[in-house]
Full PDB file with SEQRES, HELIX, SHEET, SSBOND, CRYST1, ORIGX, SCALE, CONECT and MASTER records, all heavy atoms in Angstrom:
SEQRES   1 A   37  PHE ILE VAL ALA LYS ALA ASN LYS ILE GLY VAL VAL GLU          
SEQRES   2 A   37  PHE SER LEU GLY MET GLY PRO ARG ILE ILE SER TYR MET          
SEQRES   3 A   37  ASN THR LYS GLU GLY LYS LYS VAL THR PHE PHE                  
HELIX    1 AA1 ILE A    2  ALA A    6  1                                   5    
SHEET    1 AA1 2 ILE A  23  THR A  28  0                                        
SHEET    2 AA1 2 GLY A  31  PHE A  36 -1                                        
CRYST1    1.000    1.000    1.000  90.00  90.00  90.00 P 1           1          
ORIGX1      1.000000  0.000000  0.000000        0.00000                         
ORIGX2      0.000000  1.000000  0.000000        0.00000                         
ORIGX3      0.000000  0.000000  1.000000        0.00000                         
SCALE1      1.000000  0.000000  0.000000        0.00000                         
SCALE2      0.000000  1.000000  0.000000        0.00000                         
SCALE3      0.000000  0.000000  1.000000        0.00000                         
ATOM      1  N   PHE A   1      -2.026   6.657   7.211  1.00  0.00           N  
ATOM      2  CA  PHE A   1      -1.755   7.857   7.993  1.00  0.00           C  
ATOM      3  C   PHE A   1      -2.939   8.835   8.002  1.00  0.00           C  
ATOM      4  O   PHE A   1      -3.424   9.251   9.045  1.00  0.00           O  
ATOM      5  CB  PHE A   1      -0.512   8.567   7.434  1.00  0.00           C  
ATOM      6  CG  PHE A   1      -0.208   9.888   8.054  1.00  0.00           C  
ATOM      7  CD1 PHE A   1       0.469   9.962   9.237  1.00  0.00           C  
ATOM      8  CD2 PHE A   1      -0.567  11.060   7.438  1.00  0.00           C  
ATOM      9  CE1 PHE A   1       0.734  11.194   9.804  1.00  0.00           C  
ATOM     10  CE2 PHE A   1      -0.302  12.302   7.966  1.00  0.00           C  
ATOM     11  CZ  PHE A   1       0.382  12.374   9.171  1.00  0.00           C  
ATOM     12  N   ILE A   2      -3.462   9.156   6.810  1.00  0.00           N  
ATOM     13  CA  ILE A   2      -4.486  10.202   6.699  1.00  0.00           C  
ATOM     14  C   ILE A   2      -5.789   9.706   7.308  1.00  0.00           C  
ATOM     15  O   ILE A   2      -6.542  10.491   7.923  1.00  0.00           O  
ATOM     16  CB  ILE A   2      -4.639  10.610   5.205  1.00  0.00           C  
ATOM     17  CG1 ILE A   2      -5.346  11.991   5.147  1.00  0.00           C  
ATOM     18  CG2 ILE A   2      -5.384   9.574   4.412  1.00  0.00           C  
ATOM     19  CD1 ILE A   2      -4.478  13.157   5.588  1.00  0.00           C  
ATOM     20  N   VAL A   3      -6.105   8.421   7.169  1.00  0.00           N  
ATOM     21  CA  VAL A   3      -7.379   7.909   7.722  1.00  0.00           C  
ATOM     22  C   VAL A   3      -7.265   7.742   9.226  1.00  0.00           C  
ATOM     23  O   VAL A   3      -8.232   7.933   9.958  1.00  0.00           O  
ATOM     24  CB  VAL A   3      -7.801   6.592   7.024  1.00  0.00           C  
ATOM     25  CG1 VAL A   3      -9.058   6.030   7.631  1.00  0.00           C  
ATOM     26  CG2 VAL A   3      -8.013   6.836   5.517  1.00  0.00           C  
ATOM     27  N   ALA A   4      -6.057   7.357   9.699  1.00  0.00           N  
ATOM     28  CA  ALA A   4      -5.835   7.294  11.161  1.00  0.00           C  
ATOM     29  C   ALA A   4      -6.048   8.654  11.777  1.00  0.00           C  
ATOM     30  O   ALA A   4      -6.720   8.802  12.837  1.00  0.00           O  
ATOM     31  CB  ALA A   4      -4.423   6.781  11.443  1.00  0.00           C  
ATOM     32  N   LYS A   5      -5.449   9.716  11.164  1.00  0.00           N  
ATOM     33  CA  LYS A   5      -5.627  11.064  11.705  1.00  0.00           C  
ATOM     34  C   LYS A   5      -7.126  11.480  11.666  1.00  0.00           C  
ATOM     35  O   LYS A   5      -7.590  12.117  12.614  1.00  0.00           O  
ATOM     36  CB  LYS A   5      -4.831  12.045  10.862  1.00  0.00           C  
ATOM     37  CG  LYS A   5      -3.335  11.904  10.969  1.00  0.00           C  
ATOM     38  CD  LYS A   5      -2.818  12.504  12.292  1.00  0.00           C  
ATOM     39  CE  LYS A   5      -1.307  12.569  12.354  1.00  0.00           C  
ATOM     40  NZ  LYS A   5      -0.833  13.149  13.606  1.00  0.00           N  
ATOM     41  N   ALA A   6      -7.847  11.098  10.609  1.00  0.00           N  
ATOM     42  CA  ALA A   6      -9.278  11.405  10.491  1.00  0.00           C  
ATOM     43  C   ALA A   6     -10.075  10.757  11.585  1.00  0.00           C  
ATOM     44  O   ALA A   6     -11.121  11.293  11.997  1.00  0.00           O  
ATOM     45  CB  ALA A   6      -9.793  11.031   9.118  1.00  0.00           C  
ATOM     46  N   ASN A   7      -9.611   9.597  12.048  1.00  0.00           N  
ATOM     47  CA  ASN A   7     -10.301   8.889  13.141  1.00  0.00           C  
ATOM     48  C   ASN A   7      -9.709   9.135  14.480  1.00  0.00           C  
ATOM     49  O   ASN A   7      -9.953   8.425  15.467  1.00  0.00           O  
ATOM     50  CB  ASN A   7     -10.264   7.368  12.857  1.00  0.00           C  
ATOM     51  CG  ASN A   7     -11.252   7.001  11.773  1.00  0.00           C  
ATOM     52  OD1 ASN A   7     -12.436   6.853  12.008  1.00  0.00           O  
ATOM     53  ND2 ASN A   7     -10.761   6.807  10.563  1.00  0.00           N  
ATOM     54  N   LYS A   8      -8.836  10.234  14.564  1.00  0.00           N  
ATOM     55  CA  LYS A   8      -8.256  10.671  15.846  1.00  0.00           C  
ATOM     56  C   LYS A   8      -7.417   9.597  16.497  1.00  0.00           C  
ATOM     57  O   LYS A   8      -7.324   9.464  17.712  1.00  0.00           O  
ATOM     58  CB  LYS A   8      -9.363  11.165  16.805  1.00  0.00           C  
ATOM     59  CG  LYS A   8     -10.039  12.419  16.312  1.00  0.00           C  
ATOM     60  CD  LYS A   8     -11.078  12.891  17.291  1.00  0.00           C  
ATOM     61  CE  LYS A   8     -11.667  14.252  16.948  1.00  0.00           C  
ATOM     62  NZ  LYS A   8     -11.858  14.562  15.510  1.00  0.00           N  
ATOM     63  N   ILE A   9      -6.750   8.792  15.614  1.00  0.00           N  
ATOM     64  CA  ILE A   9      -5.803   7.743  16.105  1.00  0.00           C  
ATOM     65  C   ILE A   9      -4.416   8.433  16.037  1.00  0.00           C  
ATOM     66  O   ILE A   9      -3.996   8.949  15.007  1.00  0.00           O  
ATOM     67  CB  ILE A   9      -5.853   6.477  15.243  1.00  0.00           C  
ATOM     68  CG1 ILE A   9      -7.217   5.847  15.335  1.00  0.00           C  
ATOM     69  CG2 ILE A   9      -4.737   5.510  15.648  1.00  0.00           C  
ATOM     70  CD1 ILE A   9      -7.425   4.689  14.330  1.00  0.00           C  
ATOM     71  N   GLY A  10      -3.685   8.363  17.121  1.00  0.00           N  
ATOM     72  CA  GLY A  10      -2.329   8.955  17.157  1.00  0.00           C  
ATOM     73  C   GLY A  10      -1.340   8.198  16.304  1.00  0.00           C  
ATOM     74  O   GLY A  10      -1.325   6.973  16.295  1.00  0.00           O  
ATOM     75  N   VAL A  11      -0.501   8.908  15.562  1.00  0.00           N  
ATOM     76  CA  VAL A  11       0.524   8.298  14.731  1.00  0.00           C  
ATOM     77  C   VAL A  11       1.868   8.648  15.348  1.00  0.00           C  
ATOM     78  O   VAL A  11       2.271   9.825  15.437  1.00  0.00           O  
ATOM     79  CB  VAL A  11       0.473   8.760  13.295  1.00  0.00           C  
ATOM     80  CG1 VAL A  11       1.608   8.138  12.474  1.00  0.00           C  
ATOM     81  CG2 VAL A  11      -0.871   8.405  12.640  1.00  0.00           C  
ATOM     82  N   VAL A  12       2.569   7.627  15.879  1.00  0.00           N  
ATOM     83  CA  VAL A  12       3.849   7.823  16.547  1.00  0.00           C  
ATOM     84  C   VAL A  12       4.927   8.185  15.525  1.00  0.00           C  
ATOM     85  O   VAL A  12       5.703   9.140  15.679  1.00  0.00           O  
ATOM     86  CB  VAL A  12       4.298   6.551  17.283  1.00  0.00           C  
ATOM     87  CG1 VAL A  12       5.682   6.744  17.940  1.00  0.00           C  
ATOM     88  CG2 VAL A  12       3.250   6.180  18.324  1.00  0.00           C  
ATOM     89  N   GLU A  13       4.958   7.403  14.428  1.00  0.00           N  
ATOM     90  CA  GLU A  13       5.969   7.657  13.392  1.00  0.00           C  
ATOM     91  C   GLU A  13       5.461   7.293  12.006  1.00  0.00           C  
ATOM     92  O   GLU A  13       4.815   6.302  11.820  1.00  0.00           O  
ATOM     93  CB  GLU A  13       7.261   6.853  13.719  1.00  0.00           C  
ATOM     94  CG  GLU A  13       8.384   7.103  12.701  1.00  0.00           C  
ATOM     95  CD  GLU A  13       9.658   6.376  13.038  1.00  0.00           C  
ATOM     96  OE1 GLU A  13       9.549   5.235  13.534  1.00  0.00           O  
ATOM     97  OE2 GLU A  13      10.761   6.927  12.825  1.00  0.00           O  
ATOM     98  N   PHE A  14       5.758   8.136  11.049  1.00  0.00           N  
ATOM     99  CA  PHE A  14       5.484   7.885   9.659  1.00  0.00           C  
ATOM    100  C   PHE A  14       6.801   7.824   8.915  1.00  0.00           C  
ATOM    101  O   PHE A  14       7.534   8.813   8.938  1.00  0.00           O  
ATOM    102  CB  PHE A  14       4.608   8.994   9.051  1.00  0.00           C  
ATOM    103  CG  PHE A  14       4.243   8.834   7.630  1.00  0.00           C  
ATOM    104  CD1 PHE A  14       3.262   7.927   7.230  1.00  0.00           C  
ATOM    105  CD2 PHE A  14       4.903   9.581   6.662  1.00  0.00           C  
ATOM    106  CE1 PHE A  14       2.919   7.750   5.901  1.00  0.00           C  
ATOM    107  CE2 PHE A  14       4.555   9.403   5.313  1.00  0.00           C  
ATOM    108  CZ  PHE A  14       3.547   8.523   4.939  1.00  0.00           C  
ATOM    109  N   SER A  15       7.151   6.663   8.379  1.00  0.00           N  
ATOM    110  CA  SER A  15       8.511   6.543   7.853  1.00  0.00           C  
ATOM    111  C   SER A  15       8.522   5.902   6.457  1.00  0.00           C  
ATOM    112  O   SER A  15       7.629   5.114   6.097  1.00  0.00           O  
ATOM    113  CB  SER A  15       9.368   5.702   8.787  1.00  0.00           C  
ATOM    114  OG  SER A  15       8.930   4.377   8.837  1.00  0.00           O  
ATOM    115  N   LEU A  16       9.529   6.257   5.694  1.00  0.00           N  
ATOM    116  CA  LEU A  16       9.821   5.628   4.415  1.00  0.00           C  
ATOM    117  C   LEU A  16      11.085   4.781   4.587  1.00  0.00           C  
ATOM    118  O   LEU A  16      12.098   5.299   5.064  1.00  0.00           O  
ATOM    119  CB  LEU A  16      10.014   6.679   3.325  1.00  0.00           C  
ATOM    120  CG  LEU A  16      10.473   6.151   1.956  1.00  0.00           C  
ATOM    121  CD1 LEU A  16       9.394   5.228   1.367  1.00  0.00           C  
ATOM    122  CD2 LEU A  16      10.773   7.308   1.009  1.00  0.00           C  
ATOM    123  N   GLY A  17      11.008   3.528   4.228  1.00  0.00           N  
ATOM    124  CA  GLY A  17      12.174   2.652   4.324  1.00  0.00           C  
ATOM    125  C   GLY A  17      12.130   1.830   5.612  1.00  0.00           C  
ATOM    126  O   GLY A  17      11.236   1.953   6.447  1.00  0.00           O  
ATOM    127  N   MET A  18      13.133   0.987   5.750  1.00  0.00           N  
ATOM    128  CA  MET A  18      13.219   0.100   6.939  1.00  0.00           C  
ATOM    129  C   MET A  18      14.669   0.220   7.536  1.00  0.00           C  
ATOM    130  O   MET A  18      15.540   0.700   6.840  1.00  0.00           O  
ATOM    131  CB  MET A  18      12.942  -1.346   6.565  1.00  0.00           C  
ATOM    132  CG  MET A  18      11.528  -1.532   5.970  1.00  0.00           C  
ATOM    133  SD  MET A  18      11.270  -3.207   5.341  1.00  0.00           S  
ATOM    134  CE  MET A  18      11.262  -4.116   6.891  1.00  0.00           C  
ATOM    135  N   GLY A  19      14.819  -0.220   8.796  1.00  0.00           N  
ATOM    136  CA  GLY A  19      16.133  -0.219   9.360  1.00  0.00           C  
ATOM    137  C   GLY A  19      16.420   1.050  10.126  1.00  0.00           C  
ATOM    138  O   GLY A  19      15.526   1.770  10.571  1.00  0.00           O  
ATOM    139  N   PRO A  20      17.731   1.389  10.317  1.00  0.00           N  
ATOM    140  CA  PRO A  20      18.092   2.590  11.089  1.00  0.00           C  
ATOM    141  C   PRO A  20      17.608   3.864  10.421  1.00  0.00           C  
ATOM    142  O   PRO A  20      17.596   3.992   9.216  1.00  0.00           O  
ATOM    143  CB  PRO A  20      19.651   2.506  11.073  1.00  0.00           C  
ATOM    144  CG  PRO A  20      19.986   1.129  10.734  1.00  0.00           C  
ATOM    145  CD  PRO A  20      18.867   0.616   9.843  1.00  0.00           C  
ATOM    146  N   ARG A  21      17.262   4.870  11.266  1.00  0.00           N  
ATOM    147  CA  ARG A  21      16.848   6.167  10.752  1.00  0.00           C  
ATOM    148  C   ARG A  21      18.058   6.954  10.192  1.00  0.00           C  
ATOM    149  O   ARG A  21      19.102   6.967  10.813  1.00  0.00           O  
ATOM    150  CB  ARG A  21      16.144   6.987  11.827  1.00  0.00           C  
ATOM    151  CG  ARG A  21      14.856   6.399  12.276  1.00  0.00           C  
ATOM    152  CD  ARG A  21      14.369   7.057  13.590  1.00  0.00           C  
ATOM    153  NE  ARG A  21      13.102   6.451  14.024  1.00  0.00           N  
ATOM    154  CZ  ARG A  21      13.047   5.261  14.625  1.00  0.00           C  
ATOM    155  NH1 ARG A  21      14.144   4.573  14.911  1.00  0.00           N  
ATOM    156  NH2 ARG A  21      11.868   4.764  14.968  1.00  0.00           N  
ATOM    157  N   ILE A  22      17.845   7.559   9.061  1.00  0.00           N  
ATOM    158  CA  ILE A  22      18.871   8.500   8.498  1.00  0.00           C  
ATOM    159  C   ILE A  22      18.581   9.891   9.013  1.00  0.00           C  
ATOM    160  O   ILE A  22      19.444  10.606   9.507  1.00  0.00           O  
ATOM    161  CB  ILE A  22      18.891   8.453   6.977  1.00  0.00           C  
ATOM    162  CG1 ILE A  22      19.232   7.022   6.482  1.00  0.00           C  
ATOM    163  CG2 ILE A  22      19.904   9.466   6.440  1.00  0.00           C  
ATOM    164  CD1 ILE A  22      19.111   6.863   4.978  1.00  0.00           C  
ATOM    165  N   ILE A  23      17.344  10.308   8.816  1.00  0.00           N  
ATOM    166  CA  ILE A  23      16.951  11.653   9.199  1.00  0.00           C  
ATOM    167  C   ILE A  23      15.481  11.592   9.726  1.00  0.00           C  
ATOM    168  O   ILE A  23      14.658  10.845   9.188  1.00  0.00           O  
ATOM    169  CB  ILE A  23      17.060  12.644   8.013  1.00  0.00           C  
ATOM    170  CG1 ILE A  23      16.720  14.065   8.466  1.00  0.00           C  
ATOM    171  CG2 ILE A  23      16.203  12.190   6.825  1.00  0.00           C  
ATOM    172  CD1 ILE A  23      17.016  15.142   7.406  1.00  0.00           C  
ATOM    173  N   SER A  24      15.213  12.373  10.746  1.00  0.00           N  
ATOM    174  CA  SER A  24      13.845  12.429  11.301  1.00  0.00           C  
ATOM    175  C   SER A  24      13.461  13.912  11.484  1.00  0.00           C  
ATOM    176  O   SER A  24      14.283  14.721  11.812  1.00  0.00           O  
ATOM    177  CB  SER A  24      13.789  11.688  12.665  1.00  0.00           C  
ATOM    178  OG  SER A  24      14.045  10.354  12.487  1.00  0.00           O  
ATOM    179  N   TYR A  25      12.168  14.144  11.291  1.00  0.00           N  
ATOM    180  CA  TYR A  25      11.609  15.501  11.433  1.00  0.00           C  
ATOM    181  C   TYR A  25      10.395  15.456  12.283  1.00  0.00           C  
ATOM    182  O   TYR A  25       9.601  14.502  12.202  1.00  0.00           O  
ATOM    183  CB  TYR A  25      11.287  16.085  10.074  1.00  0.00           C  
ATOM    184  CG  TYR A  25      10.391  17.313  10.139  1.00  0.00           C  
ATOM    185  CD1 TYR A  25      10.913  18.559  10.337  1.00  0.00           C  
ATOM    186  CD2 TYR A  25       9.001  17.164  10.037  1.00  0.00           C  
ATOM    187  CE1 TYR A  25      10.139  19.678  10.389  1.00  0.00           C  
ATOM    188  CE2 TYR A  25       8.164  18.296  10.113  1.00  0.00           C  
ATOM    189  CZ  TYR A  25       8.745  19.528  10.286  1.00  0.00           C  
ATOM    190  OH  TYR A  25       7.905  20.642  10.401  1.00  0.00           O  
ATOM    191  N   MET A  26      10.199  16.402  13.198  1.00  0.00           N  
ATOM    192  CA  MET A  26       9.009  16.458  13.983  1.00  0.00           C  
ATOM    193  C   MET A  26       8.703  17.900  14.354  1.00  0.00           C  
ATOM    194  O   MET A  26       9.605  18.732  14.454  1.00  0.00           O  
ATOM    195  CB  MET A  26       9.158  15.612  15.259  1.00  0.00           C  
ATOM    196  CG  MET A  26      10.118  16.131  16.260  1.00  0.00           C  
ATOM    197  SD  MET A  26      11.724  15.297  16.462  1.00  0.00           S  
ATOM    198  CE  MET A  26      12.041  14.346  15.068  1.00  0.00           C  
ATOM    199  N   ASN A  27       7.423  18.188  14.528  1.00  0.00           N  
ATOM    200  CA  ASN A  27       6.980  19.498  14.937  1.00  0.00           C  
ATOM    201  C   ASN A  27       6.517  19.406  16.391  1.00  0.00           C  
ATOM    202  O   ASN A  27       5.397  18.987  16.691  1.00  0.00           O  
ATOM    203  CB  ASN A  27       5.803  19.934  14.054  1.00  0.00           C  
ATOM    204  CG  ASN A  27       5.435  21.370  14.256  1.00  0.00           C  
ATOM    205  OD1 ASN A  27       6.131  22.122  14.918  1.00  0.00           O  
ATOM    206  ND2 ASN A  27       4.299  21.796  13.727  1.00  0.00           N  
ATOM    207  N   THR A  28       7.424  19.707  17.298  1.00  0.00           N  
ATOM    208  CA  THR A  28       7.163  19.483  18.719  1.00  0.00           C  
ATOM    209  C   THR A  28       6.552  20.737  19.388  1.00  0.00           C  
ATOM    210  O   THR A  28       6.373  21.744  18.707  1.00  0.00           O  
ATOM    211  CB  THR A  28       8.477  19.133  19.447  1.00  0.00           C  
ATOM    212  OG1 THR A  28       9.289  20.311  19.514  1.00  0.00           O  
ATOM    213  CG2 THR A  28       9.227  18.081  18.699  1.00  0.00           C  
ATOM    214  N   LYS A  29       6.300  20.623  20.652  1.00  0.00           N  
ATOM    215  CA  LYS A  29       5.777  21.743  21.432  1.00  0.00           C  
ATOM    216  C   LYS A  29       6.742  22.887  21.445  1.00  0.00           C  
ATOM    217  O   LYS A  29       6.375  24.066  21.567  1.00  0.00           O  
ATOM    218  CB  LYS A  29       5.455  21.308  22.845  1.00  0.00           C  
ATOM    219  CG  LYS A  29       4.361  20.261  22.958  1.00  0.00           C  
ATOM    220  CD  LYS A  29       4.225  19.788  24.425  1.00  0.00           C  
ATOM    221  CE  LYS A  29       3.143  18.697  24.531  1.00  0.00           C  
ATOM    222  NZ  LYS A  29       3.009  18.216  25.921  1.00  0.00           N  
ATOM    223  N   GLU A  30       8.042  22.546  21.294  1.00  0.00           N  
ATOM    224  CA  GLU A  30       9.097  23.558  21.341  1.00  0.00           C  
ATOM    225  C   GLU A  30       9.485  24.072  19.945  1.00  0.00           C  
ATOM    226  O   GLU A  30      10.408  24.846  19.817  1.00  0.00           O  
ATOM    227  CB  GLU A  30      10.313  22.981  22.047  1.00  0.00           C  
ATOM    228  CG  GLU A  30      10.066  22.596  23.496  1.00  0.00           C  
ATOM    229  CD  GLU A  30      11.248  21.987  24.177  1.00  0.00           C  
ATOM    230  OE1 GLU A  30      12.269  21.794  23.450  1.00  0.00           O  
ATOM    231  OE2 GLU A  30      11.203  21.683  25.349  1.00  0.00           O  
ATOM    232  N   GLY A  31       8.825  23.562  18.944  1.00  0.00           N  
ATOM    233  CA  GLY A  31       9.120  24.007  17.571  1.00  0.00           C  
ATOM    234  C   GLY A  31       9.558  22.843  16.721  1.00  0.00           C  
ATOM    235  O   GLY A  31       9.608  21.661  17.148  1.00  0.00           O  
ATOM    236  N   LYS A  32       9.953  23.121  15.500  1.00  0.00           N  
ATOM    237  CA  LYS A  32      10.367  22.094  14.528  1.00  0.00           C  
ATOM    238  C   LYS A  32      11.778  21.584  14.880  1.00  0.00           C  
ATOM    239  O   LYS A  32      12.658  22.370  15.185  1.00  0.00           O  
ATOM    240  CB  LYS A  32      10.332  22.658  13.130  1.00  0.00           C  
ATOM    241  CG  LYS A  32       8.903  23.051  12.679  1.00  0.00           C  
ATOM    242  CD  LYS A  32       8.952  23.714  11.313  1.00  0.00           C  
ATOM    243  CE  LYS A  32       7.529  24.165  10.901  1.00  0.00           C  
ATOM    244  NZ  LYS A  32       7.490  24.824   9.598  1.00  0.00           N  
ATOM    245  N   LYS A  33      11.925  20.256  14.770  1.00  0.00           N  
ATOM    246  CA  LYS A  33      13.244  19.665  15.034  1.00  0.00           C  
ATOM    247  C   LYS A  33      13.619  18.647  13.954  1.00  0.00           C  
ATOM    248  O   LYS A  33      12.789  17.908  13.462  1.00  0.00           O  
ATOM    249  CB  LYS A  33      13.244  18.970  16.420  1.00  0.00           C  
ATOM    250  CG  LYS A  33      13.265  19.887  17.622  1.00  0.00           C  
ATOM    251  CD  LYS A  33      13.519  19.099  18.888  1.00  0.00           C  
ATOM    252  CE  LYS A  33      13.625  20.038  20.078  1.00  0.00           C  
ATOM    253  NZ  LYS A  33      13.964  19.286  21.310  1.00  0.00           N  
ATOM    254  N   VAL A  34      14.888  18.644  13.638  1.00  0.00           N  
ATOM    255  CA  VAL A  34      15.433  17.668  12.684  1.00  0.00           C  
ATOM    256  C   VAL A  34      16.584  16.944  13.385  1.00  0.00           C  
ATOM    257  O   VAL A  34      17.467  17.567  13.970  1.00  0.00           O  
ATOM    258  CB  VAL A  34      15.947  18.330  11.391  1.00  0.00           C  
ATOM    259  CG1 VAL A  34      16.567  17.305  10.458  1.00  0.00           C  
ATOM    260  CG2 VAL A  34      14.816  19.043  10.668  1.00  0.00           C  
ATOM    261  N   THR A  35      16.558  15.586  13.318  1.00  0.00           N  
ATOM    262  CA  THR A  35      17.646  14.827  13.966  1.00  0.00           C  
ATOM    263  C   THR A  35      18.212  13.846  12.937  1.00  0.00           C  
ATOM    264  O   THR A  35      17.523  13.483  11.952  1.00  0.00           O  
ATOM    265  CB  THR A  35      17.130  14.028  15.191  1.00  0.00           C  
ATOM    266  OG1 THR A  35      16.095  13.134  14.761  1.00  0.00           O  
ATOM    267  CG2 THR A  35      16.579  14.950  16.235  1.00  0.00           C  
ATOM    268  N   PHE A  36      19.447  13.412  13.145  1.00  0.00           N  
ATOM    269  CA  PHE A  36      20.083  12.511  12.246  1.00  0.00           C  
ATOM    270  C   PHE A  36      20.527  11.264  13.014  1.00  0.00           C  
ATOM    271  O   PHE A  36      21.081  11.343  14.104  1.00  0.00           O  
ATOM    272  CB  PHE A  36      21.306  13.169  11.580  1.00  0.00           C  
ATOM    273  CG  PHE A  36      20.936  14.372  10.720  1.00  0.00           C  
ATOM    274  CD1 PHE A  36      20.921  15.639  11.306  1.00  0.00           C  
ATOM    275  CD2 PHE A  36      20.637  14.186   9.404  1.00  0.00           C  
ATOM    276  CE1 PHE A  36      20.581  16.724  10.507  1.00  0.00           C  
ATOM    277  CE2 PHE A  36      20.342  15.278   8.625  1.00  0.00           C  
ATOM    278  CZ  PHE A  36      20.296  16.564   9.168  1.00  0.00           C  
ATOM    279  N   PHE A  37      20.228  10.106  12.409  1.00  0.00           N  
ATOM    280  CA  PHE A  37      20.698   8.813  12.909  1.00  0.00           C  
ATOM    281  C   PHE A  37      20.348   8.590  14.415  1.00  0.00           C  
ATOM    282  O   PHE A  37      21.160   8.151  15.175  1.00  0.00           O  
ATOM    283  CB  PHE A  37      22.244   8.668  12.741  1.00  0.00           C  
ATOM    284  CG  PHE A  37      22.624   8.823  11.313  1.00  0.00           C  
ATOM    285  CD1 PHE A  37      23.220   9.994  10.878  1.00  0.00           C  
ATOM    286  CD2 PHE A  37      22.461   7.802  10.373  1.00  0.00           C  
ATOM    287  CE1 PHE A  37      23.592  10.169   9.533  1.00  0.00           C  
ATOM    288  CE2 PHE A  37      22.857   7.939   9.066  1.00  0.00           C  
ATOM    289  CZ  PHE A  37      23.412   9.129   8.621  1.00  0.00           C  
TER     290      PHE A  37                                                      
MASTER        0    0    0    1    2    0    0    6  289    1    0    3          
END                                                                             
């Protein structure tokens, strides 16, 4: 993640674990958002 950002490579998602999402967080143009499942 950190080296991709340093090389200006976009990161779509940074996740811990596999399978269905439990909780997601993002800092969007409209502000911070938290979603579940």
